[in-house]
PDB file of all heavy atoms in Angstrom:
ATOM      1  N   THR A   1     -77.116-150.670 -89.873  1.00  0.00           N
ATOM      2  CA  THR A   1     -78.089-150.420 -90.934  1.00  0.00           C
ATOM      3  C   THR A   1     -77.336-150.327 -92.254  1.00  0.00           C
ATOM      4  O   THR A   1     -76.418-149.509 -92.393  1.00  0.00           O
ATOM      5  CB  THR A   1     -78.868-149.114 -90.689  1.00  0.00           C
ATOM      6  OG1 THR A   1     -79.530-149.183 -89.432  1.00  0.00           O
ATOM      7  CG2 THR A   1     -79.898-148.894 -91.797  1.00  0.00           C
ATOM      8  N   GLN A   2     -77.716-151.161 -93.216  1.00  0.00           N
ATOM      9  CA  GLN A   2     -77.040-151.176 -94.512  1.00  0.00           C
ATOM     10  C   GLN A   2     -77.523-149.995 -95.341  1.00  0.00           C
ATOM     11  O   GLN A   2     -78.725-149.818 -95.571  1.00  0.00           O
ATOM     12  CB  GLN A   2     -77.346-152.483 -95.235  1.00  0.00           C
ATOM     13  CG  GLN A   2     -76.387-152.799 -96.348  1.00  0.00           C
ATOM     14  CD  GLN A   2     -75.126-153.487 -95.856  1.00  0.00           C
ATOM     15  OE1 GLN A   2     -75.204-154.359 -95.007  1.00  0.00           O
ATOM     16  NE2 GLN A   2     -73.988-153.107 -96.405  1.00  0.00           N
ATOM     17  N   LEU A   3     -76.597-149.150 -95.795  1.00  0.00           N
ATOM     18  CA  LEU A   3     -76.936-148.010 -96.639  1.00  0.00           C
ATOM     19  C   LEU A   3     -76.619-148.270 -98.105  1.00  0.00           C
ATOM     20  O   LEU A   3     -77.298-147.749 -98.991  1.00  0.00           O
ATOM     21  CB  LEU A   3     -76.192-146.760 -96.151  1.00  0.00           C
ATOM     22  CG  LEU A   3     -76.438-146.365 -94.686  1.00  0.00           C
ATOM     23  CD1 LEU A   3     -75.600-145.155 -94.321  1.00  0.00           C
ATOM     24  CD2 LEU A   3     -77.915-146.103 -94.437  1.00  0.00           C
ATOM     25  N   SER A   4     -75.573-149.031 -98.355  1.00  0.00           N
ATOM     26  CA  SER A   4     -75.183-149.438 -99.704  1.00  0.00           C
ATOM     27  C   SER A   4     -74.246-150.625 -99.540  1.00  0.00           C
ATOM     28  O   SER A   4     -73.883-150.982 -98.416  1.00  0.00           O
ATOM     29  CB  SER A   4     -74.493-148.281-100.448  1.00  0.00           C
ATOM     30  OG  SER A   4     -73.164-148.122 -99.993  1.00  0.00           O
ATOM     31  N   PRO A   5     -73.797-151.258-100.621  1.00  0.00           N
ATOM     32  CA  PRO A   5     -72.906-152.410-100.470  1.00  0.00           C
ATOM     33  C   PRO A   5     -71.596-152.113 -99.744  1.00  0.00           C
ATOM     34  O   PRO A   5     -70.962-153.024 -99.219  1.00  0.00           O
ATOM     35  CB  PRO A   5     -72.655-152.849-101.919  1.00  0.00           C
ATOM     36  CG  PRO A   5     -73.891-152.438-102.640  1.00  0.00           C
ATOM     37  CD  PRO A   5     -74.271-151.131-102.011  1.00  0.00           C
ATOM     38  N   THR A   6     -71.181-150.850 -99.714  1.00  0.00           N
ATOM     39  CA  THR A   6     -69.919-150.518 -99.039  1.00  0.00           C
ATOM     40  C   THR A   6     -70.091-149.411 -98.000  1.00  0.00           C
ATOM     41  O   THR A   6     -69.118-148.793 -97.570  1.00  0.00           O
ATOM     42  CB  THR A   6     -68.850-150.077-100.059  1.00  0.00           C
ATOM     43  OG1 THR A   6     -69.359-148.966-100.815  1.00  0.00           O
ATOM     44  CG2 THR A   6     -68.477-151.222-100.989  1.00  0.00           C
ATOM     45  N   ARG A   7     -71.324-149.191 -97.560  1.00  0.00           N
ATOM     46  CA  ARG A   7     -71.591-148.099 -96.618  1.00  0.00           C
ATOM     47  C   ARG A   7     -72.604-148.572 -95.568  1.00  0.00           C
ATOM     48  O   ARG A   7     -73.665-149.109 -95.927  1.00  0.00           O
ATOM     49  CB  ARG A   7     -72.119-146.870 -97.369  1.00  0.00           C
ATOM     50  CG  ARG A   7     -72.166-145.583 -96.552  1.00  0.00           C
ATOM     51  CD  ARG A   7     -72.549-144.427 -97.466  1.00  0.00           C
ATOM     52  NE  ARG A   7     -72.790-143.180 -96.761  1.00  0.00           N
ATOM     53  CZ  ARG A   7     -71.864-142.269 -96.506  1.00  0.00           C
ATOM     54  NH1 ARG A   7     -70.618-142.477 -96.890  1.00  0.00           N
ATOM     55  NH2 ARG A   7     -72.174-141.149 -95.875  1.00  0.00           N
ATOM     56  N   ILE A   8     -72.275-148.351 -94.288  1.00  0.00           N
ATOM     57  CA  ILE A   8     -73.082-148.842 -93.169  1.00  0.00           C
ATOM     58  C   ILE A   8     -73.238-147.732 -92.138  1.00  0.00           C
ATOM     59  O   ILE A   8     -72.315-146.928 -91.934  1.00  0.00           O
ATOM     60  CB  ILE A   8     -72.400-150.068 -92.508  1.00  0.00           C
ATOM     61  CG1 ILE A   8     -72.491-151.284 -93.404  1.00  0.00           C
ATOM     62  CG2 ILE A   8     -73.001-150.389 -91.142  1.00  0.00           C
ATOM     63  CD1 ILE A   8     -71.691-152.463 -92.893  1.00  0.00           C
ATOM     64  N   ARG A   9     -74.403-147.704 -91.481  1.00  0.00           N
ATOM     65  CA  ARG A   9     -74.589-146.818 -90.335  1.00  0.00           C
ATOM     66  C   ARG A   9     -74.543-147.655 -89.056  1.00  0.00           C
ATOM     67  O   ARG A   9     -75.264-148.640 -88.930  1.00  0.00           O
ATOM     68  CB  ARG A   9     -75.915-146.060 -90.413  1.00  0.00           C
ATOM     69  CG  ARG A   9     -76.095-145.093 -89.226  1.00  0.00           C
ATOM     70  CD  ARG A   9     -77.284-144.160 -89.409  1.00  0.00           C
ATOM     71  NE  ARG A   9     -78.539-144.884 -89.438  1.00  0.00           N
ATOM     72  CZ  ARG A   9     -79.427-144.800 -90.423  1.00  0.00           C
ATOM     73  NH1 ARG A   9     -79.186-144.052 -91.479  1.00  0.00           N
ATOM     74  NH2 ARG A   9     -80.559-145.473 -90.373  1.00  0.00           N
ATOM     75  N   LEU A  10     -73.682-147.268 -88.126  1.00  0.00           N
ATOM     76  CA  LEU A  10     -73.550-147.933 -86.831  1.00  0.00           C
ATOM     77  C   LEU A  10     -74.157-147.015 -85.787  1.00  0.00           C
ATOM     78  O   LEU A  10     -73.624-145.939 -85.490  1.00  0.00           O
ATOM     79  CB  LEU A  10     -72.071-148.196 -86.525  1.00  0.00           C
ATOM     80  CG  LEU A  10     -71.729-148.927 -85.229  1.00  0.00           C
ATOM     81  CD1 LEU A  10     -72.252-150.359 -85.268  1.00  0.00           C
ATOM     82  CD2 LEU A  10     -70.214-148.920 -84.995  1.00  0.00           C
ATOM     83  N   THR A  11     -75.296-147.422 -85.219  1.00  0.00           N
ATOM     84  CA  THR A  11     -76.067-146.590 -84.301  1.00  0.00           C
ATOM     85  C   THR A  11     -75.932-147.100 -82.875  1.00  0.00           C
ATOM     86  O   THR A  11     -76.048-148.299 -82.625  1.00  0.00           O
ATOM     87  CB  THR A  11     -77.550-146.577 -84.702  1.00  0.00           C
ATOM     88  OG1 THR A  11     -77.679-146.138 -86.051  1.00  0.00           O
ATOM     89  CG2 THR A  11     -78.349-145.656 -83.793  1.00  0.00           C
ATOM     90  N   THR A  12     -75.685-146.182 -81.940  1.00  0.00           N
ATOM     91  CA  THR A  12     -75.521-146.533 -80.530  1.00  0.00           C
ATOM     92  C   THR A  12     -76.663-145.959 -79.711  1.00  0.00           C
ATOM     93  O   THR A  12     -77.043-144.798 -79.874  1.00  0.00           O
ATOM     94  CB  THR A  12     -74.193-145.983 -79.974  1.00  0.00           C
ATOM     95  OG1 THR A  12     -73.121-146.461 -80.772  1.00  0.00           O
ATOM     96  CG2 THR A  12     -73.979-146.417 -78.526  1.00  0.00           C
ATOM     97  N   CYS A  13     -77.219-146.796 -78.824  1.00  0.00           N
ATOM     98  CA  CYS A  13     -78.228-146.315 -77.889  1.00  0.00           C
ATOM     99  C   CYS A  13     -78.014-146.988 -76.537  1.00  0.00           C
ATOM    100  O   CYS A  13     -77.325-148.008 -76.428  1.00  0.00           O
ATOM    101  CB  CYS A  13     -79.648-146.558 -78.399  1.00  0.00           C
ATOM    102  SG  CYS A  13     -80.096-148.302 -78.561  1.00  0.00           S
ATOM    103  N   GLU A  14     -78.597-146.410 -75.490  1.00  0.00           N
ATOM    104  CA  GLU A  14     -78.451-146.935 -74.129  1.00  0.00           C
ATOM    105  C   GLU A  14     -79.783-147.497 -73.647  1.00  0.00           C
ATOM    106  O   GLU A  14     -80.807-146.822 -73.702  1.00  0.00           O
ATOM    107  CB  GLU A  14     -77.972-145.842 -73.174  1.00  0.00           C
ATOM    108  CG  GLU A  14     -77.752-146.330 -71.754  1.00  0.00           C
ATOM    109  CD  GLU A  14     -77.235-145.248 -70.827  1.00  0.00           C
ATOM    110  OE1 GLU A  14     -77.171-144.082 -71.261  1.00  0.00           O
ATOM    111  OE2 GLU A  14     -76.903-145.569 -69.672  1.00  0.00           O
ATOM    112  N   VAL A  15     -79.748-148.740 -73.191  1.00  0.00           N
ATOM    113  CA  VAL A  15     -80.935-149.412 -72.673  1.00  0.00           C
ATOM    114  C   VAL A  15     -80.826-149.463 -71.151  1.00  0.00           C
ATOM    115  O   VAL A  15     -79.964-150.169 -70.617  1.00  0.00           O
ATOM    116  CB  VAL A  15     -81.060-150.841 -73.233  1.00  0.00           C
ATOM    117  CG1 VAL A  15     -82.308-151.525 -72.679  1.00  0.00           C
ATOM    118  CG2 VAL A  15     -81.091-150.825 -74.759  1.00  0.00           C
ATOM    119  N   PRO A  16     -81.679-148.725 -70.414  1.00  0.00           N
ATOM    120  CA  PRO A  16     -81.582-148.756 -68.951  1.00  0.00           C
ATOM    121  C   PRO A  16     -82.057-150.087 -68.383  1.00  0.00           C
ATOM    122  O   PRO A  16     -82.923-150.746 -68.966  1.00  0.00           O
ATOM    123  CB  PRO A  16     -82.492-147.605 -68.517  1.00  0.00           C
ATOM    124  CG  PRO A  16     -83.424-147.392 -69.656  1.00  0.00           C
ATOM    125  CD  PRO A  16     -82.693-147.800 -70.899  1.00  0.00           C
ATOM    126  N   ALA A  17     -81.491-150.480 -67.251  1.00  0.00           N
ATOM    127  CA  ALA A  17     -81.851-151.759 -66.646  1.00  0.00           C
ATOM    128  C   ALA A  17     -83.316-151.783 -66.216  1.00  0.00           C
ATOM    129  O   ALA A  17     -83.960-152.829 -66.232  1.00  0.00           O
ATOM    130  CB  ALA A  17     -80.936-152.036 -65.454  1.00  0.00           C
ATOM    131  N   LYS A  18     -83.861-150.639 -65.829  1.00  0.00           N
ATOM    132  CA  LYS A  18     -85.222-150.595 -65.305  1.00  0.00           C
ATOM    133  C   LYS A  18     -86.283-150.592 -66.402  1.00  0.00           C
ATOM    134  O   LYS A  18     -87.467-150.777 -66.115  1.00  0.00           O
ATOM    135  CB  LYS A  18     -85.382-149.358 -64.418  1.00  0.00           C
ATOM    136  CG  LYS A  18     -84.507-149.388 -63.163  1.00  0.00           C
ATOM    137  CD  LYS A  18     -84.705-148.154 -62.316  1.00  0.00           C
ATOM    138  CE  LYS A  18     -83.838-148.186 -61.073  1.00  0.00           C
ATOM    139  NZ  LYS A  18     -84.011-146.964 -60.243  1.00  0.00           N
ATOM    140  N   ASP A  19     -85.866-150.366 -67.643  1.00  0.00           N
ATOM    141  CA  ASP A  19     -86.841-150.338 -68.729  1.00  0.00           C
ATOM    142  C   ASP A  19     -86.150-150.796 -70.006  1.00  0.00           C
ATOM    143  O   ASP A  19     -85.644-149.991 -70.786  1.00  0.00           O
ATOM    144  CB  ASP A  19     -87.422-148.939 -68.909  1.00  0.00           C
ATOM    145  CG  ASP A  19     -88.586-148.915 -69.897  1.00  0.00           C
ATOM    146  OD1 ASP A  19     -88.864-149.969 -70.504  1.00  0.00           O
ATOM    147  OD2 ASP A  19     -89.207-147.855 -70.058  1.00  0.00           O
ATOM    148  N   SER A  20     -86.129-152.107 -70.214  1.00  0.00           N
ATOM    149  CA  SER A  20     -85.400-152.668 -71.347  1.00  0.00           C
ATOM    150  C   SER A  20     -86.060-152.354 -72.687  1.00  0.00           C
ATOM    151  O   SER A  20     -85.482-152.626 -73.740  1.00  0.00           O
ATOM    152  CB  SER A  20     -85.279-154.186 -71.188  1.00  0.00           C
ATOM    153  OG  SER A  20     -86.570-154.782 -71.129  1.00  0.00           O
ATOM    154  N   LYS A  21     -87.273-151.783 -72.676  1.00  0.00           N
ATOM    155  CA  LYS A  21     -87.946-151.441 -73.923  1.00  0.00           C
ATOM    156  C   LYS A  21     -87.493-150.090 -74.463  1.00  0.00           C
ATOM    157  O   LYS A  21     -87.787-149.753 -75.608  1.00  0.00           O
ATOM    158  CB  LYS A  21     -89.457-151.455 -73.725  1.00  0.00           C
ATOM    159  CG  LYS A  21     -90.026-152.837 -73.397  1.00  0.00           C
ATOM    160  CD  LYS A  21     -91.539-152.789 -73.253  1.00  0.00           C
ATOM    161  CE  LYS A  21     -92.094-154.176 -72.925  1.00  0.00           C
ATOM    162  NZ  LYS A  21     -93.575-154.145 -72.783  1.00  0.00           N
ATOM    163  N   GLN A  22     -86.824-149.303 -73.631  1.00  0.00           N
ATOM    164  CA  GLN A  22     -86.322-148.013 -74.071  1.00  0.00           C
ATOM    165  C   GLN A  22     -84.908-148.150 -74.598  1.00  0.00           C
ATOM    166  O   GLN A  22     -84.154-149.013 -74.175  1.00  0.00           O
ATOM    167  CB  GLN A  22     -86.323-146.997 -72.916  1.00  0.00           C
ATOM    168  CG  GLN A  22     -87.694-146.560 -72.471  1.00  0.00           C
ATOM    169  CD  GLN A  22     -87.614-145.404 -71.478  1.00  0.00           C
ATOM    170  OE1 GLN A  22     -86.562-144.802 -71.299  1.00  0.00           O
ATOM    171  NE2 GLN A  22     -88.729-145.107 -70.828  1.00  0.00           N
ATOM    172  N   CYS A  23     -84.560-147.287 -75.535  1.00  0.00           N
ATOM    173  CA  CYS A  23     -83.196-147.252 -76.055  1.00  0.00           C
ATOM    174  C   CYS A  23     -82.862-145.786 -76.346  1.00  0.00           C
ATOM    175  O   CYS A  23     -83.231-145.246 -77.391  1.00  0.00           O
ATOM    176  CB  CYS A  23     -83.070-148.113 -77.311  1.00  0.00           C
ATOM    177  SG  CYS A  23     -81.387-148.684 -77.625  1.00  0.00           S
ATOM    178  N   LYS A  24     -82.196-145.152 -75.404  1.00  0.00           N
ATOM    179  CA  LYS A  24     -81.879-143.726 -75.502  1.00  0.00           C
ATOM    180  C   LYS A  24     -80.789-143.502 -76.538  1.00  0.00           C
ATOM    181  O   LYS A  24     -79.681-144.021 -76.405  1.00  0.00           O
ATOM    182  CB  LYS A  24     -81.426-143.211 -74.144  1.00  0.00           C
ATOM    183  CG  LYS A  24     -80.984-141.758 -74.148  1.00  0.00           C
ATOM    184  CD  LYS A  24     -80.432-141.361 -72.793  1.00  0.00           C
ATOM    185  CE  LYS A  24     -79.858-139.944 -72.828  1.00  0.00           C
ATOM    186  NZ  LYS A  24     -79.266-139.585 -71.516  1.00  0.00           N
TER     187      LYS A  24
END
């Protein structure tokens, strides 16, 4: 996610195999 020209947010989530629509 771009926050500014020199600043970014890197977000991690887990997608289970049984429900690819979820991202914990």
